Amino acid sequence: MVSQDPKWTHAMQQEIDDLEANHTWELTTLPVDQKTIGAKWLYKIKHKANGEVDKYKARLVDKGYTQREGLDYHETLSPVAKMVSVRTIISVTASKEWDFFSHGCK
């Protein structure tokens, strides 16, 4: 079983540590008239260019597809881009001398 393998348990713990370090959520009391939504683990093996295993990646995702807008939620969660992706976009934009506009950033 995946969740019993030390490589995967390490990957899952790393994901939990990262979520906590980024203050992704906060524990709170669930209102009486609300239900929790589930979560599940997604697993992926990342490989190096030569085909060797680079790392085991576990991602904890919610089952948001069970929610109904306006009834179960009023806000949405969006994934965060990796900094290497942001730097790449900025680099290409600068090298092509394109205009760069940022909307919605705080």
PDB file of N, CA and C in Angstrom:
ATOM      1  N   MET A   1       0.851  -1.187   0.000  1.00  0.00           N
ATOM      2  CA  MET A   1       0.000   0.000   0.000  1.00  0.00           C
ATOM      3  C   MET A   1       0.891   1.243   0.000  1.00  0.00           C
ATOM      4  N   VAL A   2       0.515   2.221  -0.839  1.00  0.00           N
ATOM      5  CA  VAL A   2       1.323   3.431  -1.010  1.00  0.00           C
ATOM      6  C   VAL A   2       1.562   4.149   0.311  1.00  0.00           C
ATOM      7  N   SER A   3       0.511   4.340   1.095  1.00  0.00           N
ATOM      8  CA  SER A   3       0.644   5.135   2.315  1.00  0.00           C
ATOM      9  C   SER A   3       1.505   4.467   3.378  1.00  0.00           C
ATOM     10  N   GLN A   4       1.848   3.190   3.209  1.00  0.00           N
ATOM     11  CA  GLN A   4       2.690   2.476   4.165  1.00  0.00           C
ATOM     12  C   GLN A   4       4.172   2.529   3.785  1.00  0.00           C
ATOM     13  N   ASP A   5       4.467   2.847   2.535  1.00  0.00           N
ATOM     14  CA  ASP A   5       5.840   2.876   2.032  1.00  0.00           C
ATOM     15  C   ASP A   5       6.569   4.091   2.612  1.00  0.00           C
ATOM     16  N   PRO A   6       7.761   3.908   3.203  1.00  0.00           N
ATOM     17  CA  PRO A   6       8.492   5.025   3.810  1.00  0.00           C
ATOM     18  C   PRO A   6       8.762   6.184   2.841  1.00  0.00           C
ATOM     19  N   LYS A   7       8.963   5.890   1.558  1.00  0.00           N
ATOM     20  CA  LYS A   7       9.194   6.965   0.588  1.00  0.00           C
ATOM     21  C   LYS A   7       7.952   7.850   0.474  1.00  0.00           C
ATOM     22  N   TRP A   8       6.794   7.206   0.466  1.00  0.00           N
ATOM     23  CA  TRP A   8       5.563   7.974   0.332  1.00  0.00           C
ATOM     24  C   TRP A   8       5.165   8.644   1.642  1.00  0.00           C
ATOM     25  N   THR A   9       5.394   7.995   2.774  1.00  0.00           N
ATOM     26  CA  THR A   9       5.058   8.644   4.051  1.00  0.00           C
ATOM     27  C   THR A   9       5.933   9.878   4.245  1.00  0.00           C
ATOM     28  N   HIS A  10       7.191   9.811   3.811  1.00  0.00           N
ATOM     29  CA  HIS A  10       8.064  10.995   3.868  1.00  0.00           C
ATOM     30  C   HIS A  10       7.516  12.099   2.964  1.00  0.00           C
ATOM     31  N   ALA A  11       7.081  11.747   1.760  1.00  0.00           N
ATOM     32  CA  ALA A  11       6.524  12.728   0.821  1.00  0.00           C
ATOM     33  C   ALA A  11       5.258  13.366   1.389  1.00  0.00           C
ATOM     34  N   MET A  12       4.396  12.553   2.026  1.00  0.00           N
ATOM     35  CA  MET A  12       3.170  13.086   2.618  1.00  0.00           C
ATOM     36  C   MET A  12       3.494  14.014   3.791  1.00  0.00           C
ATOM     37  N   GLN A  13       4.465  13.636   4.603  1.00  0.00           N
ATOM     38  CA  GLN A  13       4.848  14.492   5.732  1.00  0.00           C
ATOM     39  C   GLN A  13       5.431  15.804   5.233  1.00  0.00           C
ATOM     40  N   GLN A  14       6.216  15.743   4.154  1.00  0.00           N
ATOM     41  CA  GLN A  14       6.782  16.956   3.565  1.00  0.00           C
ATOM     42  C   GLN A  14       5.673  17.890   3.073  1.00  0.00           C
ATOM     43  N   GLU A  15       4.641  17.330   2.460  1.00  0.00           N
ATOM     44  CA  GLU A  15       3.502  18.127   1.990  1.00  0.00           C
ATOM     45  C   GLU A  15       2.790  18.786   3.170  1.00  0.00           C
ATOM     46  N   ILE A  16       2.550  18.039   4.233  1.00  0.00           N
ATOM     47  CA  ILE A  16       1.910  18.602   5.426  1.00  0.00           C
ATOM     48  C   ILE A  16       2.773  19.714   6.007  1.00  0.00           C
ATOM     49  N   ASP A  17       4.089  19.471   6.124  1.00  0.00           N
ATOM     50  CA  ASP A  17       5.007  20.488   6.648  1.00  0.00           C
ATOM     51  C   ASP A  17       4.975  21.750   5.796  1.00  0.00           C
ATOM     52  N   ASP A  18       4.955  21.582   4.464  1.00  0.00           N
ATOM     53  CA  ASP A  18       4.913  22.736   3.555  1.00  0.00           C
ATOM     54  C   ASP A  18       3.608  23.509   3.704  1.00  0.00           C
ATOM     55  N   LEU A  19       2.497  22.799   3.801  1.00  0.00           N
ATOM     56  CA  LEU A  19       1.200  23.460   3.973  1.00  0.00           C
ATOM     57  C   LEU A  19       1.164  24.251   5.283  1.00  0.00           C
ATOM     58  N   GLU A  20       1.712  23.667   6.341  1.00  0.00           N
ATOM     59  CA  GLU A  20       1.734  24.365   7.634  1.00  0.00           C
ATOM     60  C   GLU A  20       2.687  25.556   7.594  1.00  0.00           C
ATOM     61  N   ALA A  21       3.851  25.405   6.972  1.00  0.00           N
ATOM     62  CA  ALA A  21       4.827  26.490   6.895  1.00  0.00           C
ATOM     63  C   ALA A  21       4.289  27.675   6.093  1.00  0.00           C
ATOM     64  N   ASN A  22       3.449  27.385   5.098  1.00  0.00           N
ATOM     65  CA  ASN A  22       2.867  28.444   4.269  1.00  0.00           C
ATOM     66  C   ASN A  22       1.558  28.982   4.831  1.00  0.00           C
ATOM     67  N   HIS A  23       1.179  28.515   6.018  1.00  0.00           N
ATOM     68  CA  HIS A  23      -0.075  28.949   6.665  1.00  0.00           C
ATOM     69  C   HIS A  23      -1.255  28.797   5.696  1.00  0.00           C
ATOM     70  N   THR A  24      -1.326  27.636   5.043  1.00  0.00           N
ATOM     71  CA  THR A  24      -2.342  27.366   4.040  1.00  0.00           C
ATOM     72  C   THR A  24      -3.739  27.310   4.648  1.00  0.00           C
ATOM     73  N   TRP A  25      -3.838  26.885   5.866  1.00  0.00           N
ATOM     74  CA  TRP A  25      -5.146  26.782   6.498  1.00  0.00           C
ATOM     75  C   TRP A  25      -5.031  27.132   7.966  1.00  0.00           C
ATOM     76  N   GLU A  26      -6.182  27.265   8.587  1.00  0.00           N
ATOM     77  CA  GLU A  26      -6.226  27.444  10.034  1.00  0.00           C
ATOM     78  C   GLU A  26      -7.353  26.582  10.574  1.00  0.00           C
ATOM     79  N   LEU A  27      -7.113  26.001  11.715  1.00  0.00           N
ATOM     80  CA  LEU A  27      -8.147  25.178  12.343  1.00  0.00           C
ATOM     81  C   LEU A  27      -9.212  26.083  12.923  1.00  0.00           C
ATOM     82  N   THR A  28     -10.434  25.681  12.744  1.00  0.00           N
ATOM     83  CA  THR A  28     -11.554  26.464  13.237  1.00  0.00           C
ATOM     84  C   THR A  28     -12.700  25.517  13.593  1.00  0.00           C
ATOM     85  N   THR A  29     -13.697  26.026  14.229  1.00  0.00           N
ATOM     86  CA  THR A  29     -14.860  25.232  14.569  1.00  0.00           C
ATOM     87  C   THR A  29     -15.825  25.240  13.390  1.00  0.00           C
ATOM     88  N   LEU A  30     -16.304  24.078  13.015  1.00  0.00           N
ATOM     89  CA  LEU A  30     -17.253  23.950  11.916  1.00  0.00           C
ATOM     90  C   LEU A  30     -18.646  24.357  12.394  1.00  0.00           C
ATOM     91  N   PRO A  31     -19.295  25.275  11.678  1.00  0.00           N
ATOM     92  CA  PRO A  31     -20.668  25.642  12.073  1.00  0.00           C
ATOM     93  C   PRO A  31     -21.573  24.410  12.083  1.00  0.00           C
ATOM     94  N   VAL A  32     -22.529  24.406  12.958  1.00  0.00           N
ATOM     95  CA  VAL A  32     -23.401  23.252  13.170  1.00  0.00           C
ATOM     96  C   VAL A  32     -24.119  22.839  11.891  1.00  0.00           C
ATOM     97  N   ASP A  33     -24.515  23.794  11.065  1.00  0.00           N
ATOM     98  CA  ASP A  33     -25.310  23.486   9.883  1.00  0.00           C
ATOM     99  C   ASP A  33     -24.454  23.164   8.647  1.00  0.00           C
ATOM    100  N   GLN A  34     -23.148  22.994   8.809  1.00  0.00           N
ATOM    101  CA  GLN A  34     -22.261  22.733   7.679  1.00  0.00           C
ATOM    102  C   GLN A  34     -21.641  21.335   7.780  1.00  0.00           C
ATOM    103  N   LYS A  35     -21.239  20.800   6.627  1.00  0.00           N
ATOM    104  CA  LYS A  35     -20.558  19.510   6.579  1.00  0.00           C
ATOM    105  C   LYS A  35     -19.129  19.736   6.092  1.00  0.00           C
ATOM    106  N   THR A  36     -18.234  18.891   6.541  1.00  0.00           N
ATOM    107  CA  THR A  36     -16.864  18.981   6.046  1.00  0.00           C
ATOM    108  C   THR A  36     -16.797  18.407   4.636  1.00  0.00           C
ATOM    109  N   ILE A  37     -15.768  18.828   3.901  1.00  0.00           N
ATOM    110  CA  ILE A  37     -15.515  18.198   2.611  1.00  0.00           C
ATOM    111  C   ILE A  37     -14.297  17.305   2.791  1.00  0.00           C
ATOM    112  N   GLY A  38     -14.239  16.275   2.006  1.00  0.00           N
ATOM    113  CA  GLY A  38     -13.143  15.328   2.126  1.00  0.00           C
ATOM    114  C   GLY A  38     -11.867  15.822   1.450  1.00  0.00           C
ATOM    115  N   ALA A  39     -10.838  15.043   1.630  1.00  0.00           N
ATOM    116  CA  ALA A  39      -9.560  15.311   0.981  1.00  0.00           C
ATOM    117  C   ALA A  39      -8.997  13.972   0.516  1.00  0.00           C
ATOM    118  N   LYS A  40      -8.086  14.038  -0.420  1.00  0.00           N
ATOM    119  CA  LYS A  40      -7.440  12.810  -0.871  1.00  0.00           C
ATOM    120  C   LYS A  40      -5.996  13.117  -1.238  1.00  0.00           C
ATOM    121  N   TRP A  41      -5.189  12.082  -1.264  1.00  0.00           N
ATOM    122  CA  TRP A  41      -3.788  12.197  -1.634  1.00  0.00           C
ATOM    123  C   TRP A  41      -3.602  11.847  -3.099  1.00  0.00           C
ATOM    124  N   LEU A  42      -2.794  12.645  -3.789  1.00  0.00           N
ATOM    125  CA  LEU A  42      -2.380  12.345  -5.150  1.00  0.00           C
ATOM    126  C   LEU A  42      -0.880  12.080  -5.106  1.00  0.00           C
ATOM    127  N   TYR A  43      -0.440  11.060  -5.799  1.00  0.00           N
ATOM    128  CA  TYR A  43       0.963  10.647  -5.768  1.00  0.00           C
ATOM    129  C   TYR A  43       1.567  10.722  -7.164  1.00  0.00           C
ATOM    130  N   LYS A  44       2.807  11.210  -7.223  1.00  0.00           N
ATOM    131  CA  LYS A  44       3.501  11.273  -8.505  1.00  0.00           C
ATOM    132  C   LYS A  44       4.993  11.072  -8.268  1.00  0.00           C
ATOM    133  N   ILE A  45       5.600  10.289  -9.130  1.00  0.00           N
ATOM    134  CA  ILE A  45       7.050  10.109  -9.071  1.00  0.00           C
ATOM    135  C   ILE A  45       7.669  11.079 -10.067  1.00  0.00           C
ATOM    136  N   LYS A  46       8.541  11.955  -9.585  1.00  0.00           N
ATOM    137  CA  LYS A  46       9.239  12.921 -10.442  1.00  0.00           C
ATOM    138  C   LYS A  46      10.556  12.286 -10.887  1.00  0.00           C
ATOM    139  N   HIS A  47      10.870  12.435 -12.169  1.00  0.00           N
ATOM    140  CA  HIS A  47      12.094  11.845 -12.716  1.00  0.00           C
ATOM    141  C   HIS A  47      13.071  12.922 -13.171  1.00  0.00           C
ATOM    142  N   LYS A  48      14.353  12.599 -13.099  1.00  0.00           N
ATOM    143  CA  LYS A  48      15.395  13.460 -13.643  1.00  0.00           C
ATOM    144  C   LYS A  48      15.420  13.282 -15.163  1.00  0.00           C
ATOM    145  N   ALA A  49      16.181  14.113 -15.854  1.00  0.00           N
ATOM    146  CA  ALA A  49      16.270  14.047 -17.313  1.00  0.00           C
ATOM    147  C   ALA A  49      16.773  12.686 -17.795  1.00  0.00           C
ATOM    148  N   ASN A  50      17.615  12.042 -16.993  1.00  0.00           N
ATOM    149  CA  ASN A  50      18.171  10.742 -17.399  1.00  0.00           C
ATOM    150  C   ASN A  50      17.271   9.557 -17.035  1.00  0.00           C
ATOM    151  N   GLY A  51      16.093   9.841 -16.467  1.00  0.00           N
ATOM    152  CA  GLY A  51      15.145   8.784 -16.149  1.00  0.00           C
ATOM    153  C   GLY A  51      15.197   8.297 -14.711  1.00  0.00           C
ATOM    154  N   GLU A  52      16.217   8.694 -13.956  1.00  0.00           N
ATOM    155  CA  GLU A  52      16.304   8.297 -12.550  1.00  0.00           C
ATOM    156  C   GLU A  52      15.181   8.961 -11.753  1.00  0.00           C
ATOM    157  N   VAL A  53      14.790   8.307 -10.670  1.00  0.00           N
ATOM    158  CA  VAL A  53      13.791   8.905  -9.790  1.00  0.00           C
ATOM    159  C   VAL A  53      14.417  10.089  -9.070  1.00  0.00           C
ATOM    160  N   ASP A  54      13.777  11.236  -9.194  1.00  0.00           N
ATOM    161  CA  ASP A  54      14.241  12.449  -8.521  1.00  0.00           C
ATOM    162  C   ASP A  54      13.634  12.536  -7.126  1.00  0.00           C
ATOM    163  N   LYS A  55      12.304  12.407  -7.074  1.00  0.00           N
ATOM    164  CA  LYS A  55      11.635  12.424  -5.768  1.00  0.00           C
ATOM    165  C   LYS A  55      10.230  11.871  -5.895  1.00  0.00           C
ATOM    166  N   TYR A  56       9.680  11.551  -4.754  1.00  0.00           N
ATOM    167  CA  TYR A  56       8.304  11.111  -4.649  1.00  0.00           C
ATOM    168  C   TYR A  56       7.499  12.302  -4.150  1.00  0.00           C
ATOM    169  N   LYS A  57       6.489  12.703  -4.908  1.00  0.00           N
ATOM    170  CA  LYS A  57       5.709  13.877  -4.583  1.00  0.00           C
ATOM    171  C   LYS A  57       4.297  13.472  -4.197  1.00  0.00           C
ATOM    172  N   ALA A  58       3.875  13.887  -3.028  1.00  0.00           N
ATOM    173  CA  ALA A  58       2.507  13.651  -2.568  1.00  0.00           C
ATOM    174  C   ALA A  58       1.829  15.003  -2.436  1.00  0.00           C
ATOM    175  N   ARG A  59       0.617  15.093  -2.904  1.00  0.00           N
ATOM    176  CA  ARG A  59      -0.133  16.345  -2.836  1.00  0.00           C
ATOM    177  C   ARG A  59      -1.477  16.057  -2.178  1.00  0.00           C
ATOM    178  N   LEU A  60      -1.811  16.850  -1.183  1.00  0.00           N
ATOM    179  CA  LEU A  60      -3.093  16.732  -0.499  1.00  0.00           C
ATOM    180  C   LEU A  60      -4.072  17.700  -1.150  1.00  0.00           C
ATOM    181  N   VAL A  61      -5.152  17.184  -1.685  1.00  0.00           N
ATOM    182  CA  VAL A  61      -6.138  18.031  -2.366  1.00  0.00           C
ATOM    183  C   VAL A  61      -7.513  17.813  -1.747  1.00  0.00           C
ATOM    184  N   ASP A  62      -8.304  18.873  -1.789  1.00  0.00           N
ATOM    185  CA  ASP A  62      -9.669  18.722  -1.266  1.00  0.00           C
ATOM    186  C   ASP A  62     -10.595  18.228  -2.362  1.00  0.00           C
ATOM    187  N   LYS A  63     -11.692  17.691  -1.935  1.00  0.00           N
ATOM    188  CA  LYS A  63     -12.705  17.209  -2.873  1.00  0.00           C
ATOM    189  C   LYS A  63     -13.744  18.315  -3.060  1.00  0.00           C
ATOM    190  N   GLY A  64     -13.269  19.462  -3.547  1.00  0.00           N
ATOM    191  CA  GLY A  64     -14.123  20.627  -3.714  1.00  0.00           C
ATOM    192  C   GLY A  64     -15.250  20.429  -4.693  1.00  0.00           C
ATOM    193  N   TYR A  65     -15.135  19.408  -5.522  1.00  0.00           N
ATOM    194  CA  TYR A  65     -16.198  19.143  -6.498  1.00  0.00           C
ATOM    195  C   TYR A  65     -17.504  18.730  -5.836  1.00  0.00           C
ATOM    196  N   THR A  66     -17.478  18.470  -4.537  1.00  0.00           N
ATOM    197  CA  THR A  66     -18.711  18.106  -3.838  1.00  0.00           C
ATOM    198  C   THR A  66     -19.452  19.339  -3.327  1.00  0.00           C
ATOM    199  N   GLN A  67     -18.841  20.511  -3.472  1.00  0.00           N
ATOM    200  CA  GLN A  67     -19.444  21.735  -2.966  1.00  0.00           C
ATOM    201  C   GLN A  67     -20.342  22.389  -4.010  1.00  0.00           C
ATOM    202  N   ARG A  68     -21.256  23.239  -3.513  1.00  0.00           N
ATOM    203  CA  ARG A  68     -22.139  23.999  -4.391  1.00  0.00           C
ATOM    204  C   ARG A  68     -21.975  25.479  -4.094  1.00  0.00           C
ATOM    205  N   GLU A  69     -21.683  26.268  -5.139  1.00  0.00           N
ATOM    206  CA  GLU A  69     -21.444  27.695  -4.983  1.00  0.00           C
ATOM    207  C   GLU A  69     -22.626  28.375  -4.308  1.00  0.00           C
ATOM    208  N   GLY A  70     -22.303  29.236  -3.345  1.00  0.00           N
ATOM    209  CA  GLY A  70     -23.330  29.973  -2.628  1.00  0.00           C
ATOM    210  C   GLY A  70     -23.945  29.204  -1.480  1.00  0.00           C
ATOM    211  N   LEU A  71     -23.856  27.891  -1.525  1.00  0.00           N
ATOM    212  CA  LEU A  71     -24.403  27.070  -0.453  1.00  0.00           C
ATOM    213  C   LEU A  71     -23.276  26.573   0.451  1.00  0.00           C
ATOM    214  N   ASP A  72     -22.254  25.979  -0.154  1.00  0.00           N
ATOM    215  CA  ASP A  72     -21.150  25.401   0.612  1.00  0.00           C
ATOM    216  C   ASP A  72     -19.923  26.312   0.692  1.00  0.00           C
ATOM    217  N   TYR A  73     -19.842  27.285  -0.186  1.00  0.00           N
ATOM    218  CA  TYR A  73     -18.677  28.176  -0.150  1.00  0.00           C
ATOM    219  C   TYR A  73     -18.996  29.525  -0.783  1.00  0.00           C
ATOM    220  N   HIS A  74     -18.211  30.503  -0.404  1.00  0.00           N
ATOM    221  CA  HIS A  74     -18.315  31.840  -0.984  1.00  0.00           C
ATOM    222  C   HIS A  74     -16.959  32.298  -1.504  1.00  0.00           C
ATOM    223  N   GLU A  75     -15.914  31.572  -1.178  1.00  0.00           N
ATOM    224  CA  GLU A  75     -14.568  31.892  -1.644  1.00  0.00           C
ATOM    225  C   GLU A  75     -14.006  30.669  -2.359  1.00  0.00           C
ATOM    226  N   THR A  76     -13.009  30.886  -3.203  1.00  0.00           N
ATOM    227  CA  THR A  76     -12.371  29.772  -3.893  1.00  0.00           C
ATOM    228  C   THR A  76     -10.895  29.744  -3.567  1.00  0.00           C
ATOM    229  N   LEU A  77     -10.309  28.594  -3.755  1.00  0.00           N
ATOM    230  CA  LEU A  77      -8.881  28.394  -3.534  1.00  0.00           C
ATOM    231  C   LEU A  77      -8.234  28.196  -4.896  1.00  0.00           C
ATOM    232  N   SER A  78      -7.126  28.868  -5.129  1.00  0.00           N
ATOM    233  CA  SER A  78      -6.426  28.661  -6.390  1.00  0.00           C
ATOM    234  C   SER A  78      -4.996  28.225  -6.092  1.00  0.00           C
ATOM    235  N   PRO A  79      -4.449  27.368  -6.931  1.00  0.00           N
ATOM    236  CA  PRO A  79      -3.082  26.921  -6.702  1.00  0.00           C
ATOM    237  C   PRO A  79      -2.084  28.060  -6.870  1.00  0.00           C
ATOM    238  N   VAL A  80      -0.947  27.903  -6.265  1.00  0.00           N
ATOM    239  CA  VAL A  80       0.097  28.918  -6.309  1.00  0.00           C
ATOM    240  C   VAL A  80       1.186  28.472  -7.277  1.00  0.00           C
ATOM    241  N   ALA A  81       1.631  29.400  -8.111  1.00  0.00           N
ATOM    242  CA  ALA A  81       2.690  29.088  -9.074  1.00  0.00           C
ATOM    243  C   ALA A  81       4.036  28.954  -8.363  1.00  0.00           C
ATOM    244  N   LYS A  82       4.884  28.087  -8.883  1.00  0.00           N
ATOM    245  CA  LYS A  82       6.233  27.965  -8.354  1.00  0.00           C
ATOM    246  C   LYS A  82       7.037  29.185  -8.773  1.00  0.00           C
ATOM    247  N   MET A  83       7.974  29.604  -7.930  1.00  0.00           N
ATOM    248  CA  MET A  83       8.777  30.782  -8.243  1.00  0.00           C
ATOM    249  C   MET A  83       9.586  30.600  -9.520  1.00  0.00           C
ATOM    250  N   VAL A  84      10.028  29.398  -9.813  1.00  0.00           N
ATOM    251  CA  VAL A  84      10.787  29.183 -11.044  1.00  0.00           C
ATOM    252  C   VAL A  84       9.916  29.487 -12.258  1.00  0.00           C
ATOM    253  N   SER A  85       8.625  29.200 -12.182  1.00  0.00           N
ATOM    254  CA  SER A  85       7.704  29.519 -13.277  1.00  0.00           C
ATOM    255  C   SER A  85       7.529  31.027 -13.416  1.00  0.00           C
ATOM    256  N   VAL A  86       7.384  31.710 -12.298  1.00  0.00           N
ATOM    257  CA  VAL A  86       7.228  33.168 -12.315  1.00  0.00           C
ATOM    258  C   VAL A  86       8.475  33.816 -12.899  1.00  0.00           C
ATOM    259  N   ARG A  87       9.655  33.383 -12.454  1.00  0.00           N
ATOM    260  CA  ARG A  87      10.913  33.951 -12.975  1.00  0.00           C
ATOM    261  C   ARG A  87      11.061  33.700 -14.469  1.00  0.00           C
ATOM    262  N   THR A  88      10.648  32.521 -14.926  1.00  0.00           N
ATOM    263  CA  THR A  88      10.731  32.205 -16.355  1.00  0.00           C
ATOM    264  C   THR A  88       9.849  33.130 -17.173  1.00  0.00           C
ATOM    265  N   ILE A  89       8.633  33.341 -16.727  1.00  0.00           N
ATOM    266  CA  ILE A  89       7.708  34.230 -17.438  1.00  0.00           C
ATOM    267  C   ILE A  89       8.260  35.654 -17.481  1.00  0.00           C
ATOM    268  N   ILE A  90       8.771  36.128 -16.366  1.00  0.00           N
ATOM    269  CA  ILE A  90       9.334  37.481 -16.327  1.00  0.00           C
ATOM    270  C   ILE A  90      10.551  37.581 -17.240  1.00  0.00           C
ATOM    271  N   SER A  91      11.401  36.565 -17.233  1.00  0.00           N
ATOM    272  CA  SER A  91      12.593  36.555 -18.078  1.00  0.00           C
ATOM    273  C   SER A  91      12.247  36.597 -19.565  1.00  0.00           C
ATOM    274  N   VAL A  92      11.305  35.757 -19.976  1.00  0.00           N
ATOM    275  CA  VAL A  92      10.886  35.738 -21.387  1.00  0.00           C
ATOM    276  C   VAL A  92      10.254  37.072 -21.763  1.00  0.00           C
ATOM    277  N   THR A  93       9.419  37.596 -20.877  1.00  0.00           N
ATOM    278  CA  THR A  93       8.773  38.885 -21.128  1.00  0.00           C
ATOM    279  C   THR A  93       9.809  39.987 -21.327  1.00  0.00           C
ATOM    280  N   ALA A  94      10.816  40.013 -20.467  1.00  0.00           N
ATOM    281  CA  ALA A  94      11.864  41.034 -20.572  1.00  0.00           C
ATOM    282  C   ALA A  94      12.701  40.852 -21.834  1.00  0.00           C
ATOM    283  N   SER A  95      13.072  39.605 -22.152  1.00  0.00           N
ATOM    284  CA  SER A  95      13.923  39.366 -23.328  1.00  0.00           C
ATOM    285  C   SER A  95      13.204  39.699 -24.634  1.00  0.00           C
ATOM    286  N   LYS A  96      11.887  39.560 -24.656  1.00  0.00           N
ATOM    287  CA  LYS A  96      11.093  39.887 -25.852  1.00  0.00           C
ATOM    288  C   LYS A  96      10.653  41.347 -25.860  1.00  0.00           C
ATOM    289  N   GLU A  97      10.988  42.065 -24.769  1.00  0.00           N
ATOM    290  CA  GLU A  97      10.608  43.469 -24.597  1.00  0.00           C
ATOM    291  C   GLU A  97       9.094  43.665 -24.658  1.00  0.00           C
ATOM    292  N   TRP A  98       8.363  42.697 -24.130  1.00  0.00           N
ATOM    293  CA  TRP A  98       6.915  42.784 -24.055  1.00  0.00           C
ATOM    294  C   TRP A  98       6.530  43.607 -22.825  1.00  0.00           C
ATOM    295  N   ASP A  99       5.349  44.193 -22.857  1.00  0.00           N
ATOM    296  CA  ASP A  99       4.822  44.874 -21.678  1.00  0.00           C
ATOM    297  C   ASP A  99       4.364  43.814 -20.684  1.00  0.00           C
ATOM    298  N   PHE A 100       4.557  44.103 -19.420  1.00  0.00           N
ATOM    299  CA  PHE A 100       4.165  43.152 -18.380  1.00  0.00           C
ATOM    300  C   PHE A 100       3.231  43.870 -17.423  1.00  0.00           C
ATOM    301  N   PHE A 101       2.043  43.292 -17.224  1.00  0.00           N
ATOM    302  CA  PHE A 101       1.065  43.867 -16.315  1.00  0.00           C
ATOM    303  C   PHE A 101       0.679  42.814 -15.294  1.00  0.00           C
ATOM    304  N   SER A 102       0.573  43.236 -14.061  1.00  0.00           N
ATOM    305  CA  SER A 102       0.168  42.332 -13.004  1.00  0.00           C
ATOM    306  C   SER A 102      -1.180  42.813 -12.468  1.00  0.00           C
ATOM    307  N   HIS A 103      -2.160  41.931 -12.458  1.00  0.00           N
ATOM    308  CA  HIS A 103      -3.494  42.266 -11.983  1.00  0.00           C
ATOM    309  C   HIS A 103      -3.825  41.433 -10.755  1.00  0.00           C
ATOM    310  N   GLY A 104      -4.345  42.062  -9.757  1.00  0.00           N
ATOM    311  CA  GLY A 104      -4.833  41.331  -8.600  1.00  0.00           C
ATOM    312  C   GLY A 104      -3.774  40.975  -7.581  1.00  0.00           C
ATOM    313  N   CYS A 105      -2.543  41.389  -7.764  1.00  0.00           N
ATOM    314  CA  CYS A 105      -1.489  41.078  -6.787  1.00  0.00           C
ATOM    315  C   CYS A 105      -1.534  42.105  -5.667  1.00  0.00           C
ATOM    316  N   LYS A 106      -1.239  41.641  -4.492  1.00  0.00           N
ATOM    317  CA  LYS A 106      -1.219  42.530  -3.331  1.00  0.00           C
ATOM    318  C   LYS A 106       0.181  42.616  -2.784  1.00  0.00           C
TER     319      LYS A 106
END
